[in-house]
Amino acid sequence: MKEITYKDLQLKIEIDFETSIKRDIDRTFVDTEDKISINIQEERHFYNLIKYAIDMEAHQNVTSIINRIIKKLNLKNITIKFYLYQDDSFNVNCFSRKIEAKINELYIFVSQHFFNNLNEDEQVAIIGHEISHQLFNHFKYPTANILNLDLDVNTVGDLKHNLIYRSKISEITSDLIGLASCNFNSKAYSTALIKHTTGLFDNSSNEFGISSLIDMVLVQYDKFSNDPFMYDLQSTHPLLPLRVKIVNEIIDTDLIKYFGKSVSNSNYIKYKSDFNTRINEIIKTIYPEIFPDKDDSNDVLILMSIAIVLADGIIDDGEIKYMKSLFKKSHKTYTEYMRIIYAQKDGDYTKLINTLIKKCLRITKKKSFEKNMIIPIIRKLILVSASDGTIRKAELDVIFKFAKNFSITKRDIVLIISTQYKV
């Protein structure tokens, strides 16, 4: 028999991101000074907040909130510091600070809106979400500070993207913990998210009807899921409609129904698998590129990447570096594709490029690729084009020659570049 605990709510895909990110972090920040610089930025932000904050740890309302979460999640040995500060917008900041070798303290800073805007169930939901960041070590990498570093394009295409996607998934995991904290009250969690995003007050709920906004946000999710250009590369948080959709969709899953109870080993495995599959399917409607598990998509991406590398007749070291990274993540051998690149000697690759595009189109036609499956491939192809530091017209022409078969225009491609990439 296995007991279902809060640990089982952590999404598997979040765990899967850890290995690749650790490898990239260790490779990128070999210089200790870089790591020290990043940590100093975190400490500076912490002290800027705490200087003007009120320690609320002993307040009865805060004690009630924390105790509800500890009891529901059955937490042991967690130390939480709670501070109130003033801000123009609704903000919650968290810091994990080591006070002894094996003891971490979680510092939570909430703006005045936390007490002004939220009822207790909503407050429990929000703080449960923040505690989750400590429980699952989401502070391991200072994502925001790393994203602000001036890294080369190859690193941007690997480390930064993985950090952003891991952050999005981590937020969803924390949403699930916040949902559990308020006893799986999906309405309370949804309204807490909406209030946090919009700044609405409780006293507006009587006139405005915040609860009715949940259905409106869910309709908005449907619109977003049907728009292949609804994308936010730079944000570390998933879109609000996606988050509201997930917390309302999973409350009837077996993993939630049996939360805190013991089930057979076989059911435990099944419930976790079904839970992750269901959430992944929802996430995939907005961020399909997070799930590059289809061999067909990988084949198209790799073959088109080769075509782009060959487009300008020059094979740059940066392009080779990016291709190597791409091949490592595929099921194909590196040498098999690199032979294609080096097979041509005269620099005229037009015939080979056309052959590669036709092969990709045959794959997409056979597997009935739709536009929402092609857009993520286009995004990655633009990164391949940018891997040598410059996006060239010849490379964009190759991308368009492929993309136009899916009603993707040159304007669409330019829009993706101008709004989503810093190259």
Protein backbone atom coordinates (compact mmCIF):
# COMPACT_ATOMS: atom_id res chain seq x y z
CA MET A 1 0.00 0.00 0.00
CA LYS A 2 1.16 3.54 -0.76
CA GLU A 3 -0.10 6.78 0.76
CA ILE A 4 -0.80 9.62 -1.65
CA THR A 5 0.90 12.76 -0.32
CA TYR A 6 1.68 16.26 -1.56
CA LYS A 7 4.89 14.90 -3.10
CA ASP A 8 2.79 12.99 -5.62
CA LEU A 9 1.37 16.26 -6.96
CA GLN A 10 4.74 17.31 -8.37
CA LEU A 11 4.50 16.95 -12.14
CA LYS A 12 6.78 14.34 -13.68
CA ILE A 13 7.76 16.66 -16.51
CA GLU A 14 9.14 19.13 -13.96
CA ILE A 15 11.39 16.41 -12.56
CA ASP A 16 12.48 15.50 -16.10
CA PHE A 17 13.74 19.05 -16.70
CA GLU A 18 16.15 18.89 -13.76
CA THR A 19 18.88 16.74 -15.33
CA SER A 20 19.34 18.81 -18.46
CA ILE A 21 19.21 22.10 -16.54
CA LYS A 22 21.81 20.95 -14.01
CA ARG A 23 24.13 19.94 -16.83
CA ASP A 24 23.70 23.29 -18.57
CA ILE A 25 24.12 25.26 -15.32
CA ASP A 26 27.35 23.43 -14.46
CA ARG A 27 28.67 23.98 -17.99
CA THR A 28 27.67 27.65 -18.20
CA PHE A 29 28.69 28.84 -14.73
CA VAL A 30 32.09 27.25 -14.36
CA ASP A 31 33.31 30.57 -12.94
CA THR A 32 32.49 30.84 -9.23
CA GLU A 33 32.30 34.64 -9.55
CA ASP A 34 29.25 34.28 -11.81
CA LYS A 35 27.46 32.26 -9.15
CA ILE A 36 28.41 34.73 -6.43
CA SER A 37 27.15 37.63 -8.53
CA ILE A 38 23.77 35.95 -9.04
CA ASN A 39 23.42 35.18 -5.33
CA ILE A 40 24.29 38.76 -4.41
CA GLN A 41 21.41 40.00 -6.57
CA GLU A 42 19.01 37.70 -4.70
CA GLU A 43 20.27 38.92 -1.32
CA ARG A 44 19.99 42.57 -2.38
CA HIS A 45 16.33 42.07 -3.34
CA PHE A 46 15.65 40.32 0.00
CA TYR A 47 17.12 43.14 2.08
CA ASN A 48 15.39 45.81 0.02
CA LEU A 49 12.06 44.23 0.99
CA ILE A 50 12.70 43.36 4.61
CA LYS A 51 13.92 46.86 5.51
CA TYR A 52 10.39 48.22 5.07
CA ALA A 53 8.30 45.17 6.03
CA ILE A 54 6.37 44.20 9.18
CA ASP A 55 7.00 40.80 10.77
CA MET A 56 3.56 39.13 10.81
CA GLU A 57 4.65 35.69 12.03
CA ALA A 58 2.90 35.98 15.42
CA HIS A 59 -0.35 37.43 14.04
CA GLN A 60 -3.31 35.11 14.70
CA ASN A 61 -4.56 35.27 11.12
CA VAL A 62 -1.16 34.28 9.77
CA THR A 63 -0.82 31.52 12.36
CA SER A 64 -4.22 30.14 11.31
CA ILE A 65 -3.23 30.15 7.62
CA ILE A 66 0.11 28.40 8.21
CA ASN A 67 -1.39 25.80 10.57
CA ARG A 68 -4.09 24.89 8.05
CA ILE A 69 -1.48 24.25 5.38
CA ILE A 70 0.84 22.28 7.66
CA LYS A 71 -2.04 20.06 8.78
CA LYS A 72 -3.45 19.46 5.29
CA LEU A 73 -0.07 18.65 3.74
CA ASN A 74 1.24 16.89 6.86
CA LEU A 75 4.43 18.93 6.80
CA LYS A 76 7.37 18.37 9.13
CA ASN A 77 10.30 20.60 10.05
CA ILE A 78 9.43 23.65 7.97
CA THR A 79 10.25 27.16 9.15
CA ILE A 80 8.24 30.03 7.66
CA LYS A 81 8.82 33.75 8.15
CA PHE A 82 5.94 36.01 7.10
CA TYR A 83 6.23 39.73 6.28
CA LEU A 84 3.84 42.44 5.12
CA TYR A 85 4.99 45.34 2.96
CA GLN A 86 3.43 48.00 0.75
CA ASP A 87 3.43 47.79 -3.03
CA ASP A 88 1.54 49.46 -5.85
CA SER A 89 0.41 46.08 -7.20
CA PHE A 90 -0.49 42.72 -5.67
CA ASN A 91 2.81 40.93 -5.08
CA VAL A 92 4.07 37.89 -3.22
CA ASN A 93 7.84 37.33 -2.94
CA CYS A 94 9.55 34.23 -1.57
CA PHE A 95 13.14 33.59 -0.53
CA SER A 96 14.75 30.41 0.75
CA ARG A 97 17.65 31.27 3.06
CA LYS A 98 19.99 28.78 4.71
CA ILE A 99 20.55 29.55 8.41
CA GLU A 100 22.44 26.33 9.28
CA ALA A 101 23.95 23.53 7.24
CA LYS A 102 20.71 21.55 7.11
CA ILE A 103 18.07 24.15 7.92
CA ASN A 104 16.40 26.42 5.37
CA GLU A 105 13.96 29.16 6.27
CA LEU A 106 11.25 30.28 3.88
CA TYR A 107 10.63 34.04 3.87
CA ILE A 108 7.30 35.11 2.42
CA PHE A 109 6.62 38.79 1.70
CA VAL A 110 3.05 39.80 0.81
CA SER A 111 1.81 43.20 -0.24
CA GLN A 112 -1.16 44.79 1.52
CA HIS A 113 -3.46 43.39 -1.19
CA PHE A 114 -3.06 39.92 0.30
CA PHE A 115 -5.10 40.92 3.35
CA ASN A 116 -7.27 43.52 1.62
CA ASN A 117 -8.35 41.41 -1.36
CA LEU A 118 -8.45 37.76 -0.28
CA ASN A 119 -10.63 35.73 2.08
CA GLU A 120 -8.97 33.08 4.26
CA ASP A 121 -9.43 30.16 1.84
CA GLU A 122 -7.83 32.23 -0.91
CA GLN A 123 -5.01 33.27 1.43
CA VAL A 124 -4.36 29.63 2.31
CA ALA A 125 -4.29 28.77 -1.40
CA ILE A 126 -1.74 31.48 -2.21
CA ILE A 127 0.57 30.68 0.73
CA GLY A 128 0.30 26.95 0.02
CA HIS A 129 1.50 27.75 -3.49
CA GLU A 130 4.48 29.70 -2.11
CA ILE A 131 5.39 26.98 0.39
CA SER A 132 5.49 24.54 -2.52
CA HIS A 133 8.46 26.42 -3.97
CA GLN A 134 10.37 25.52 -0.81
CA LEU A 135 9.13 21.93 -0.67
CA PHE A 136 10.30 21.17 -4.20
CA ASN A 137 13.46 23.28 -4.13
CA HIS A 138 12.28 25.64 -6.85
CA PHE A 139 14.78 28.20 -5.54
CA LYS A 140 17.69 25.99 -6.57
CA TYR A 141 18.34 28.16 -9.63
CA PRO A 142 17.83 31.96 -9.51
CA THR A 143 15.94 31.86 -12.80
CA ALA A 144 15.10 35.55 -13.12
CA ASN A 145 18.71 36.62 -12.60
CA ILE A 146 20.12 34.03 -15.00
CA LEU A 147 17.65 35.12 -17.69
CA ASN A 148 18.97 38.66 -17.39
CA LEU A 149 22.57 37.58 -18.02
CA ASP A 150 24.13 38.25 -21.41
CA LEU A 151 24.68 34.69 -22.63
CA ASP A 152 25.56 33.56 -26.14
CA VAL A 153 22.76 32.46 -28.46
CA ASN A 154 23.59 28.76 -28.13
CA THR A 155 23.17 28.95 -24.37
CA VAL A 156 20.00 31.05 -24.73
CA GLY A 157 18.52 28.35 -26.95
CA ASP A 158 19.22 25.67 -24.38
CA LEU A 159 19.64 26.81 -20.80
CA LYS A 160 17.36 29.85 -20.83
CA HIS A 161 14.51 28.08 -22.59
CA ASN A 162 14.73 25.10 -20.26
CA LEU A 163 14.74 27.40 -17.24
CA ILE A 164 11.66 29.23 -18.51
CA TYR A 165 9.76 26.02 -19.21
CA ARG A 166 10.82 24.48 -15.91
CA SER A 167 9.62 27.63 -14.17
CA LYS A 168 6.24 27.46 -15.92
CA ILE A 169 5.81 23.81 -14.93
CA SER A 170 6.99 24.54 -11.39
CA GLU A 171 4.29 27.18 -11.08
CA ILE A 172 1.68 24.61 -12.11
CA THR A 173 3.01 22.12 -9.55
CA SER A 174 2.76 24.88 -6.93
CA ASP A 175 -0.80 25.63 -8.08
CA LEU A 176 -1.62 22.00 -7.29
CA ILE A 177 -0.09 22.27 -3.82
CA GLY A 178 -1.98 25.52 -3.24
CA LEU A 179 -5.15 23.76 -4.35
CA ALA A 180 -4.50 20.90 -1.91
CA SER A 181 -3.78 23.41 0.88
CA CYS A 182 -7.28 24.92 0.59
CA ASN A 183 -8.80 21.42 0.60
CA PHE A 184 -9.10 21.28 -3.21
CA ASN A 185 -11.48 24.21 -3.29
CA SER A 186 -11.03 24.99 -6.98
CA LYS A 187 -13.33 28.01 -6.78
CA ALA A 188 -11.22 29.60 -4.01
CA TYR A 189 -8.00 28.90 -5.84
CA SER A 190 -9.38 30.25 -9.13
CA THR A 191 -10.66 33.47 -7.56
CA ALA A 192 -7.35 33.89 -5.71
CA LEU A 193 -5.50 33.71 -9.05
CA ILE A 194 -7.93 36.11 -10.69
CA LYS A 195 -7.74 38.63 -7.83
CA HIS A 196 -3.96 38.40 -7.81
CA THR A 197 -3.88 39.09 -11.54
CA THR A 198 -6.55 41.77 -11.78
CA GLY A 199 -6.24 43.47 -8.39
CA LEU A 200 -9.98 43.16 -7.69
CA PHE A 201 -11.09 43.61 -4.08
CA ASP A 202 -13.50 41.46 -2.13
CA ASN A 203 -15.88 44.41 -1.85
CA SER A 204 -16.07 44.45 -5.65
CA SER A 205 -17.24 40.86 -5.70
CA ASN A 206 -20.76 41.87 -4.61
CA GLU A 207 -21.13 44.23 -7.57
CA PHE A 208 -18.88 42.60 -10.12
CA GLY A 209 -19.21 38.89 -9.36
CA ILE A 210 -15.65 37.55 -9.29
CA SER A 211 -16.90 33.95 -9.25
CA SER A 212 -18.54 34.47 -12.63
CA LEU A 213 -15.13 35.43 -14.01
CA ILE A 214 -13.98 31.82 -13.63
CA ASP A 215 -16.22 30.69 -16.50
CA MET A 216 -15.08 33.66 -18.57
CA VAL A 217 -11.42 32.78 -18.00
CA LEU A 218 -12.11 29.16 -18.98
CA VAL A 219 -13.64 30.39 -22.24
CA GLN A 220 -10.52 32.48 -22.73
CA TYR A 221 -8.44 29.30 -22.31
CA ASP A 222 -10.40 27.72 -25.17
CA LYS A 223 -9.59 30.71 -27.37
CA PHE A 224 -5.91 30.57 -26.45
CA SER A 225 -5.69 26.84 -27.09
CA ASN A 226 -6.95 27.38 -30.64
CA ASP A 227 -4.47 30.18 -31.36
CA PRO A 228 -1.05 28.75 -32.32
CA PHE A 229 0.58 32.17 -31.90
CA MET A 230 -0.51 32.56 -28.26
CA TYR A 231 2.96 32.27 -26.84
CA ASP A 232 5.00 33.95 -24.09
CA LEU A 233 8.62 33.00 -24.45
CA GLN A 234 9.95 35.51 -21.93
CA SER A 235 7.50 34.89 -19.06
CA THR A 236 8.43 32.46 -16.29
CA HIS A 237 4.73 31.99 -15.40
CA PRO A 238 2.15 30.11 -17.46
CA LEU A 239 -0.86 31.96 -18.85
CA LEU A 240 -3.62 32.55 -16.29
CA PRO A 241 -6.40 30.78 -18.28
CA LEU A 242 -4.21 27.65 -18.46
CA ARG A 243 -3.71 27.66 -14.69
CA VAL A 244 -7.42 28.12 -13.98
CA LYS A 245 -8.24 25.37 -16.48
CA ILE A 246 -5.94 22.88 -14.75
CA VAL A 247 -7.15 23.46 -11.17
CA ASN A 248 -10.75 23.08 -12.31
CA GLU A 249 -10.13 20.00 -14.46
CA ILE A 250 -8.18 17.76 -12.10
CA ILE A 251 -10.29 17.85 -8.93
CA ASP A 252 -12.18 14.72 -10.02
CA THR A 253 -9.04 12.63 -10.70
CA ASP A 254 -8.38 9.55 -8.59
CA LEU A 255 -5.11 10.99 -7.28
CA ILE A 256 -7.06 13.89 -5.78
CA LYS A 257 -9.96 11.74 -4.57
CA TYR A 258 -7.57 9.55 -2.59
CA PHE A 259 -5.22 12.30 -1.43
CA GLY A 260 -3.98 11.53 2.11
CA LYS A 261 -5.18 7.92 1.85
CA SER A 262 -3.38 4.64 1.18
CA VAL A 263 -4.02 2.74 -2.04
CA SER A 264 -2.60 -0.41 -3.61
CA ASN A 265 0.76 -0.10 -5.36
CA SER A 266 -0.82 -0.75 -8.75
CA ASN A 267 -3.49 1.91 -8.22
CA TYR A 268 -0.87 4.32 -6.91
CA ILE A 269 1.12 4.00 -10.14
CA LYS A 270 -2.02 4.25 -12.28
CA TYR A 271 -3.44 7.28 -10.46
CA LYS A 272 -0.15 9.19 -10.78
CA SER A 273 0.20 8.29 -14.45
CA ASP A 274 -3.40 9.29 -15.26
CA PHE A 275 -2.98 12.52 -13.31
CA ASN A 276 0.18 13.54 -15.17
CA THR A 277 -1.26 12.54 -18.54
CA ARG A 278 -4.37 14.62 -18.00
CA ILE A 279 -2.43 17.72 -17.00
CA ASN A 280 0.10 17.26 -19.79
CA GLU A 281 -2.68 17.19 -22.35
CA ILE A 282 -3.95 20.56 -21.07
CA ILE A 283 -0.47 22.12 -21.00
CA LYS A 284 0.24 20.80 -24.48
CA THR A 285 -2.58 22.88 -25.96
CA ILE A 286 -0.67 26.06 -25.07
CA TYR A 287 2.96 24.88 -24.90
CA PRO A 288 3.26 21.86 -27.23
CA GLU A 289 7.01 22.40 -27.61
CA ILE A 290 7.53 21.31 -23.99
CA PHE A 291 6.71 17.76 -25.08
CA PRO A 292 9.18 16.89 -27.87
CA ASP A 293 8.48 13.19 -27.49
CA LYS A 294 7.19 12.53 -30.98
CA ASP A 295 9.79 10.96 -33.26
CA ASP A 296 8.00 12.47 -36.25
CA SER A 297 8.32 16.01 -34.87
CA ASN A 298 11.97 15.40 -34.05
CA ASP A 299 12.64 14.13 -37.57
CA VAL A 300 11.07 17.23 -39.09
CA LEU A 301 12.95 19.53 -36.72
CA ILE A 302 16.31 17.90 -37.41
CA LEU A 303 15.92 17.68 -41.19
CA MET A 304 14.73 21.28 -41.43
CA SER A 305 17.55 22.40 -39.13
CA ILE A 306 20.05 20.86 -41.52
CA ALA A 307 18.38 22.71 -44.40
CA ILE A 308 18.71 26.01 -42.51
CA VAL A 309 22.36 25.41 -41.62
CA LEU A 310 23.06 24.84 -45.32
CA ALA A 311 20.96 27.79 -46.54
CA ASP A 312 23.71 30.42 -46.69
CA GLY A 313 26.34 28.00 -48.01
CA ILE A 314 28.47 28.50 -44.89
CA ILE A 315 28.61 26.06 -41.99
CA ASP A 316 29.44 28.11 -38.92
CA ASP A 317 30.92 26.71 -35.68
CA GLY A 318 27.94 28.12 -33.77
CA GLU A 319 25.56 26.24 -36.05
CA ILE A 320 27.49 23.02 -35.53
CA LYS A 321 27.38 23.54 -31.77
CA TYR A 322 23.64 24.05 -31.84
CA MET A 323 23.11 21.01 -34.05
CA LYS A 324 25.12 18.83 -31.69
CA SER A 325 22.90 19.96 -28.82
CA LEU A 326 19.82 19.22 -30.93
CA PHE A 327 21.03 15.75 -31.90
CA LYS A 328 21.78 14.78 -28.32
CA LYS A 329 18.11 15.23 -27.48
CA SER A 330 16.91 13.20 -30.44
CA HIS A 331 16.68 9.47 -30.99
CA LYS A 332 18.90 9.71 -34.06
CA THR A 333 22.66 9.35 -34.18
CA TYR A 334 24.78 12.45 -34.51
CA THR A 335 27.05 11.04 -37.26
CA GLU A 336 24.12 10.05 -39.46
CA TYR A 337 23.08 13.66 -39.94
CA MET A 338 26.45 15.32 -39.82
CA ARG A 339 27.51 13.25 -42.84
CA ILE A 340 24.71 14.94 -44.78
CA ILE A 341 26.04 18.36 -43.85
CA TYR A 342 29.63 17.59 -44.83
CA ALA A 343 28.75 15.58 -47.95
CA GLN A 344 28.53 18.72 -50.12
CA LYS A 345 31.79 20.35 -51.14
CA ASP A 346 31.00 23.19 -53.51
CA GLY A 347 28.73 25.25 -51.25
CA ASP A 348 25.64 24.93 -53.47
CA TYR A 349 23.13 23.09 -51.32
CA THR A 350 19.92 24.06 -53.15
CA LYS A 351 19.09 20.55 -54.33
CA LEU A 352 19.75 19.00 -50.92
CA ILE A 353 17.70 21.71 -49.16
CA ASN A 354 14.71 21.06 -51.46
CA THR A 355 15.04 17.33 -50.84
CA LEU A 356 15.03 17.87 -47.07
CA ILE A 357 11.96 20.13 -47.23
CA LYS A 358 10.06 17.62 -49.39
CA LYS A 359 10.94 14.82 -46.98
CA CYS A 360 9.64 16.89 -44.05
CA LEU A 361 6.40 17.65 -45.89
CA ARG A 362 5.88 13.95 -46.58
CA ILE A 363 6.25 13.22 -42.87
CA THR A 364 3.82 15.97 -41.85
CA LYS A 365 1.28 14.90 -44.46
CA LYS A 366 1.46 11.24 -43.50
CA LYS A 367 1.03 12.06 -39.80
CA SER A 368 -1.58 14.79 -40.40
CA PHE A 369 0.36 17.60 -38.73
CA GLU A 370 -1.84 20.59 -37.96
CA LYS A 371 -0.81 24.22 -37.68
CA ASN A 372 -0.56 24.11 -33.88
CA MET A 373 2.08 21.38 -34.23
CA ILE A 374 4.06 23.32 -36.82
CA ILE A 375 4.33 26.64 -34.95
CA PRO A 376 6.58 25.18 -32.17
CA ILE A 377 8.81 23.69 -34.88
CA ILE A 378 9.03 27.10 -36.56
CA ARG A 379 10.06 28.70 -33.25
CA LYS A 380 12.90 26.22 -32.86
CA LEU A 381 13.97 26.62 -36.48
CA ILE A 382 14.33 30.36 -35.88
CA LEU A 383 16.64 29.52 -32.99
CA VAL A 384 18.71 27.35 -35.31
CA SER A 385 18.91 30.29 -37.72
CA ALA A 386 20.04 32.55 -34.87
CA SER A 387 22.63 30.08 -33.54
CA ASP A 388 25.48 31.84 -35.39
CA GLY A 389 24.40 35.23 -34.06
CA THR A 390 22.51 36.41 -37.15
CA ILE A 391 19.21 35.48 -38.80
CA ARG A 392 19.88 35.62 -42.53
CA LYS A 393 17.37 36.10 -45.35
CA ALA A 394 18.41 32.84 -47.01
CA GLU A 395 17.62 30.96 -43.80
CA LEU A 396 14.24 32.64 -43.44
CA ASP A 397 13.46 31.76 -47.05
CA VAL A 398 14.03 28.08 -46.22
CA ILE A 399 11.77 28.34 -43.17
CA PHE A 400 9.05 30.05 -45.22
CA LYS A 401 9.29 27.51 -48.03
CA PHE A 402 8.35 24.88 -45.47
CA ALA A 403 5.93 26.99 -43.41
CA LYS A 404 3.80 28.25 -46.28
CA ASN A 405 2.41 24.75 -46.73
CA PHE A 406 0.60 25.26 -43.42
CA SER A 407 -0.81 28.72 -44.22
CA ILE A 408 1.97 30.41 -42.25
CA THR A 409 2.92 33.67 -43.93
CA LYS A 410 6.17 35.65 -44.00
CA ARG A 411 4.44 38.20 -41.79
CA ASP A 412 3.69 35.47 -39.25
CA ILE A 413 7.35 34.46 -39.15
CA VAL A 414 8.51 38.05 -38.76
CA LEU A 415 5.95 38.53 -35.98
CA ILE A 416 7.31 35.50 -34.11
CA ILE A 417 10.84 36.86 -34.38
CA SER A 418 10.03 40.44 -33.41
CA THR A 419 7.79 39.63 -30.44
CA GLN A 420 9.38 36.51 -29.01
CA TYR A 421 13.12 36.58 -29.64
CA LYS A 422 15.97 38.85 -28.72
CA VAL A 423 18.47 38.25 -31.49
